[in-house]
Amino acid sequence: MKPFGLAFLITGIFLISLSGLEKIIIYISLNERAGDYQSLKIITPNEIWDITKMTFIFGILIFIIGLIMSLWKFIVKQMVLITEANRQFQIEHGFNRENKEQ
């Protein structure tokens, strides 16, 4: 599971970087007509900006999926520890009467 998680992490980082590179390329190609970022957004069609936004969003999603896949065993272990601590708390404080009588 960890190799796939690492692959997703690297792919997510690559897509996030790619979205920034796309914006830089758009700016370089239109820098004579646009002096700042706001005028660049007005000159550039919305479909082009949607591509950079979607690349960034998919990069973040894939990065988060890779992070979860890489840390899955740790997450499951912590959930087991929390469940056990909750069960012990219920037994000690009388919230679980049927287990205390046995």
N, C-alpha and C. Protein backbone atom coordinates (compact mmCIF):
# COMPACT_ATOMS: atom_id res chain seq x y z
N MET A 1 0.82 -1.19 0.00
CA MET A 1 0.00 0.00 0.00
C MET A 1 0.87 1.26 0.00
N LYS A 2 2.02 1.17 0.66
CA LYS A 2 2.87 2.36 0.74
C LYS A 2 3.42 2.80 -0.62
N PRO A 3 3.83 1.88 -1.53
CA PRO A 3 4.32 2.36 -2.83
C PRO A 3 3.25 3.13 -3.60
N PHE A 4 2.00 2.67 -3.54
CA PHE A 4 0.93 3.40 -4.21
C PHE A 4 0.69 4.75 -3.54
N GLY A 5 0.77 4.78 -2.24
CA GLY A 5 0.61 6.04 -1.52
C GLY A 5 1.70 7.03 -1.88
N LEU A 6 2.92 6.55 -1.97
CA LEU A 6 4.02 7.41 -2.36
C LEU A 6 3.87 7.89 -3.80
N ALA A 7 3.38 7.01 -4.68
CA ALA A 7 3.15 7.42 -6.07
C ALA A 7 2.07 8.50 -6.13
N PHE A 8 1.02 8.37 -5.35
CA PHE A 8 -0.03 9.39 -5.33
C PHE A 8 0.50 10.70 -4.76
N LEU A 9 1.33 10.62 -3.72
CA LEU A 9 1.92 11.83 -3.15
C LEU A 9 2.75 12.58 -4.20
N ILE A 10 3.60 11.86 -4.90
CA ILE A 10 4.45 12.48 -5.91
C ILE A 10 3.63 13.04 -7.06
N THR A 11 2.61 12.30 -7.48
CA THR A 11 1.73 12.77 -8.55
C THR A 11 0.98 14.03 -8.13
N GLY A 12 0.50 14.07 -6.90
CA GLY A 12 -0.19 15.25 -6.41
C GLY A 12 0.71 16.46 -6.37
N ILE A 13 1.94 16.28 -5.89
CA ILE A 13 2.90 17.39 -5.86
C ILE A 13 3.20 17.85 -7.29
N PHE A 14 3.34 16.91 -8.20
CA PHE A 14 3.59 17.26 -9.60
C PHE A 14 2.44 18.07 -10.18
N LEU A 15 1.20 17.68 -9.92
CA LEU A 15 0.05 18.41 -10.46
C LEU A 15 -0.07 19.80 -9.85
N ILE A 16 0.21 19.94 -8.58
CA ILE A 16 0.17 21.26 -7.94
C ILE A 16 1.24 22.16 -8.57
N SER A 17 2.42 21.61 -8.78
CA SER A 17 3.49 22.38 -9.43
C SER A 17 3.13 22.73 -10.86
N LEU A 18 2.49 21.80 -11.55
CA LEU A 18 2.09 22.02 -12.93
C LEU A 18 1.09 23.17 -13.05
N SER A 19 0.17 23.26 -12.10
CA SER A 19 -0.81 24.35 -12.17
C SER A 19 -0.12 25.70 -12.00
N GLY A 20 0.87 25.78 -11.14
CA GLY A 20 1.63 27.02 -11.01
C GLY A 20 2.42 27.33 -12.26
N LEU A 21 3.01 26.30 -12.87
CA LEU A 21 3.75 26.49 -14.11
C LEU A 21 2.83 26.96 -15.23
N GLU A 22 1.61 26.42 -15.28
CA GLU A 22 0.64 26.86 -16.28
C GLU A 22 0.34 28.35 -16.14
N LYS A 23 0.17 28.82 -14.92
CA LYS A 23 -0.10 30.24 -14.70
C LYS A 23 1.10 31.09 -15.11
N ILE A 24 2.30 30.62 -14.84
CA ILE A 24 3.49 31.37 -15.25
C ILE A 24 3.58 31.45 -16.77
N ILE A 25 3.30 30.34 -17.45
CA ILE A 25 3.35 30.34 -18.91
C ILE A 25 2.29 31.27 -19.50
N ILE A 26 1.11 31.28 -18.91
CA ILE A 26 0.06 32.20 -19.38
C ILE A 26 0.52 33.64 -19.19
N TYR A 27 1.11 33.93 -18.05
CA TYR A 27 1.57 35.30 -17.80
C TYR A 27 2.68 35.70 -18.76
N ILE A 28 3.63 34.80 -19.01
CA ILE A 28 4.73 35.11 -19.92
C ILE A 28 4.21 35.36 -21.34
N SER A 29 3.20 34.59 -21.74
CA SER A 29 2.70 34.78 -23.10
C SER A 29 1.88 36.05 -23.26
N LEU A 30 1.33 36.58 -22.19
CA LEU A 30 0.47 37.78 -22.28
C LEU A 30 1.00 38.96 -21.47
N ASN A 31 2.28 38.97 -21.12
CA ASN A 31 2.76 40.02 -20.23
C ASN A 31 2.82 41.40 -20.87
N GLU A 32 2.85 41.50 -22.23
CA GLU A 32 2.83 42.82 -22.86
C GLU A 32 1.47 43.49 -22.69
N ARG A 33 0.40 42.71 -22.73
CA ARG A 33 -0.94 43.27 -22.62
C ARG A 33 -1.42 43.37 -21.18
N ALA A 34 -0.84 42.59 -20.28
CA ALA A 34 -1.29 42.58 -18.89
C ALA A 34 -0.14 42.97 -17.98
N GLY A 35 -0.37 43.96 -17.18
CA GLY A 35 0.67 44.40 -16.26
C GLY A 35 0.63 43.69 -14.93
N ASP A 36 -0.54 43.29 -14.48
CA ASP A 36 -0.66 42.62 -13.19
C ASP A 36 -1.60 41.42 -13.32
N TYR A 37 -1.79 40.74 -12.21
CA TYR A 37 -2.56 39.49 -12.19
C TYR A 37 -4.03 39.72 -12.52
N GLN A 38 -4.62 40.79 -12.02
CA GLN A 38 -6.05 41.04 -12.25
C GLN A 38 -6.33 41.31 -13.72
N SER A 39 -5.51 42.11 -14.35
CA SER A 39 -5.73 42.37 -15.78
C SER A 39 -5.44 41.12 -16.61
N LEU A 40 -4.51 40.29 -16.15
CA LEU A 40 -4.25 39.03 -16.84
C LEU A 40 -5.47 38.12 -16.78
N LYS A 41 -6.15 38.07 -15.64
CA LYS A 41 -7.35 37.25 -15.52
C LYS A 41 -8.48 37.77 -16.40
N ILE A 42 -8.53 39.09 -16.60
CA ILE A 42 -9.57 39.66 -17.46
C ILE A 42 -9.29 39.33 -18.93
N ILE A 43 -8.04 39.39 -19.34
CA ILE A 43 -7.67 39.13 -20.73
C ILE A 43 -7.81 37.65 -21.09
N THR A 44 -7.43 36.78 -20.18
CA THR A 44 -7.42 35.33 -20.44
C THR A 44 -8.84 34.77 -20.36
N PRO A 45 -9.21 33.89 -21.31
CA PRO A 45 -10.55 33.27 -21.26
C PRO A 45 -10.72 32.42 -19.99
N ASN A 46 -11.97 32.35 -19.54
CA ASN A 46 -12.27 31.59 -18.32
C ASN A 46 -11.93 30.11 -18.45
N GLU A 47 -12.06 29.57 -19.66
CA GLU A 47 -11.77 28.14 -19.85
C GLU A 47 -10.31 27.82 -19.55
N ILE A 48 -9.42 28.74 -19.89
CA ILE A 48 -7.99 28.53 -19.60
C ILE A 48 -7.76 28.55 -18.09
N TRP A 49 -8.39 29.49 -17.38
CA TRP A 49 -8.21 29.56 -15.92
C TRP A 49 -8.85 28.34 -15.26
N ASP A 50 -9.93 27.81 -15.85
CA ASP A 50 -10.54 26.61 -15.29
C ASP A 50 -9.59 25.41 -15.36
N ILE A 51 -8.80 25.34 -16.41
CA ILE A 51 -7.83 24.25 -16.53
C ILE A 51 -6.80 24.33 -15.41
N THR A 52 -6.29 25.51 -15.13
CA THR A 52 -5.30 25.64 -14.06
C THR A 52 -5.92 25.36 -12.70
N LYS A 53 -7.17 25.81 -12.49
CA LYS A 53 -7.85 25.54 -11.22
C LYS A 53 -8.08 24.04 -11.03
N MET A 54 -8.55 23.37 -12.09
CA MET A 54 -8.82 21.94 -11.97
C MET A 54 -7.53 21.14 -11.75
N THR A 55 -6.45 21.55 -12.39
CA THR A 55 -5.17 20.89 -12.17
C THR A 55 -4.75 21.03 -10.70
N PHE A 56 -4.93 22.22 -10.15
CA PHE A 56 -4.58 22.45 -8.75
C PHE A 56 -5.47 21.63 -7.81
N ILE A 57 -6.78 21.63 -8.07
CA ILE A 57 -7.71 20.89 -7.21
C ILE A 57 -7.44 19.39 -7.26
N PHE A 58 -7.26 18.84 -8.47
CA PHE A 58 -6.96 17.41 -8.59
C PHE A 58 -5.62 17.08 -7.94
N GLY A 59 -4.66 17.98 -8.03
CA GLY A 59 -3.37 17.76 -7.38
C GLY A 59 -3.52 17.66 -5.87
N ILE A 60 -4.32 18.55 -5.29
CA ILE A 60 -4.55 18.50 -3.84
C ILE A 60 -5.28 17.23 -3.45
N LEU A 61 -6.31 16.85 -4.22
CA LEU A 61 -7.06 15.63 -3.90
C LEU A 61 -6.17 14.39 -3.98
N ILE A 62 -5.38 14.28 -5.03
CA ILE A 62 -4.50 13.12 -5.17
C ILE A 62 -3.44 13.12 -4.08
N PHE A 63 -2.94 14.30 -3.70
CA PHE A 63 -1.97 14.39 -2.60
C PHE A 63 -2.59 13.90 -1.29
N ILE A 64 -3.82 14.30 -1.00
CA ILE A 64 -4.49 13.87 0.23
C ILE A 64 -4.75 12.37 0.21
N ILE A 65 -5.16 11.84 -0.94
CA ILE A 65 -5.37 10.39 -1.06
C ILE A 65 -4.07 9.65 -0.81
N GLY A 66 -2.98 10.13 -1.37
CA GLY A 66 -1.67 9.50 -1.16
C GLY A 66 -1.23 9.58 0.29
N LEU A 67 -1.52 10.69 0.94
CA LEU A 67 -1.17 10.85 2.35
C LEU A 67 -1.95 9.85 3.21
N ILE A 68 -3.23 9.70 2.93
CA ILE A 68 -4.05 8.75 3.68
C ILE A 68 -3.58 7.32 3.42
N MET A 69 -3.27 7.01 2.16
CA MET A 69 -2.80 5.66 1.85
C MET A 69 -1.46 5.36 2.54
N SER A 70 -0.59 6.34 2.61
CA SER A 70 0.71 6.13 3.25
C SER A 70 0.60 5.95 4.75
N LEU A 71 -0.36 6.63 5.36
CA LEU A 71 -0.50 6.59 6.82
C LEU A 71 -1.63 5.68 7.30
N TRP A 72 -2.17 4.83 6.43
CA TRP A 72 -3.35 4.04 6.77
C TRP A 72 -3.13 3.13 7.98
N LYS A 73 -2.00 2.44 8.04
CA LYS A 73 -1.75 1.53 9.18
C LYS A 73 -1.67 2.31 10.49
N PHE A 74 -1.05 3.48 10.45
CA PHE A 74 -0.96 4.32 11.64
C PHE A 74 -2.35 4.79 12.07
N ILE A 75 -3.17 5.17 11.12
CA ILE A 75 -4.53 5.64 11.42
C ILE A 75 -5.34 4.51 12.05
N VAL A 76 -5.26 3.32 11.50
CA VAL A 76 -6.02 2.17 12.04
C VAL A 76 -5.53 1.84 13.44
N LYS A 77 -4.22 1.87 13.67
CA LYS A 77 -3.68 1.58 15.00
C LYS A 77 -4.18 2.59 16.03
N GLN A 78 -4.22 3.86 15.66
CA GLN A 78 -4.71 4.89 16.58
C GLN A 78 -6.20 4.72 16.86
N MET A 79 -6.97 4.32 15.86
CA MET A 79 -8.39 4.09 16.08
C MET A 79 -8.63 2.92 17.03
N VAL A 80 -7.81 1.87 16.93
CA VAL A 80 -7.92 0.74 17.86
C VAL A 80 -7.58 1.19 19.28
N LEU A 81 -6.53 1.99 19.43
CA LEU A 81 -6.17 2.49 20.75
C LEU A 81 -7.27 3.37 21.34
N ILE A 82 -7.89 4.19 20.53
CA ILE A 82 -8.98 5.05 21.01
C ILE A 82 -10.18 4.21 21.42
N THR A 83 -10.51 3.19 20.64
CA THR A 83 -11.63 2.31 20.98
C THR A 83 -11.37 1.59 22.29
N GLU A 84 -10.16 1.10 22.48
CA GLU A 84 -9.81 0.40 23.72
C GLU A 84 -9.86 1.35 24.91
N ALA A 85 -9.36 2.57 24.75
CA ALA A 85 -9.40 3.55 25.84
C ALA A 85 -10.84 3.92 26.18
N ASN A 86 -11.69 4.01 25.17
CA ASN A 86 -13.11 4.31 25.40
C ASN A 86 -13.78 3.17 26.15
N ARG A 87 -13.46 1.94 25.78
CA ARG A 87 -14.05 0.79 26.47
C ARG A 87 -13.60 0.76 27.93
N GLN A 88 -12.31 1.01 28.19
CA GLN A 88 -11.82 1.05 29.56
C GLN A 88 -12.48 2.16 30.37
N PHE A 89 -12.68 3.30 29.76
CA PHE A 89 -13.34 4.42 30.44
C PHE A 89 -14.77 4.06 30.82
N GLN A 90 -15.48 3.40 29.88
CA GLN A 90 -16.86 3.00 30.16
C GLN A 90 -16.93 1.99 31.29
N ILE A 91 -16.00 1.06 31.34
CA ILE A 91 -15.99 0.05 32.40
C ILE A 91 -15.68 0.71 33.74
N GLU A 92 -14.69 1.59 33.79
CA GLU A 92 -14.27 2.22 35.05
C GLU A 92 -15.34 3.15 35.61
N HIS A 93 -16.08 3.80 34.77
CA HIS A 93 -17.04 4.80 35.24
C HIS A 93 -18.49 4.34 35.19
N GLY A 94 -18.71 3.07 34.97
CA GLY A 94 -20.03 2.50 35.09
C GLY A 94 -20.98 2.79 33.94
N PHE A 95 -20.48 3.18 32.78
CA PHE A 95 -21.36 3.43 31.64
C PHE A 95 -21.75 2.14 30.95
N ASN A 96 -21.03 1.10 31.20
CA ASN A 96 -21.28 -0.18 30.56
C ASN A 96 -21.57 -1.21 31.64
N ARG A 97 -22.77 -1.22 32.17
CA ARG A 97 -23.13 -2.02 33.34
C ARG A 97 -23.05 -3.52 33.11
N GLU A 98 -23.42 -3.99 31.91
CA GLU A 98 -23.43 -5.43 31.69
C GLU A 98 -22.01 -6.01 31.73
N ASN A 99 -21.00 -5.28 31.30
CA ASN A 99 -19.62 -5.77 31.39
C ASN A 99 -19.07 -5.67 32.81
N LYS A 100 -19.56 -4.73 33.61
CA LYS A 100 -19.05 -4.56 34.97
C LYS A 100 -19.57 -5.65 35.90
N GLU A 101 -20.77 -6.17 35.65
CA GLU A 101 -21.35 -7.20 36.50
C GLU A 101 -20.67 -8.55 36.28
N GLN A 102 -20.09 -8.78 35.13
CA GLN A 102 -19.47 -10.07 34.83
C GLN A 102 -18.17 -10.20 35.45
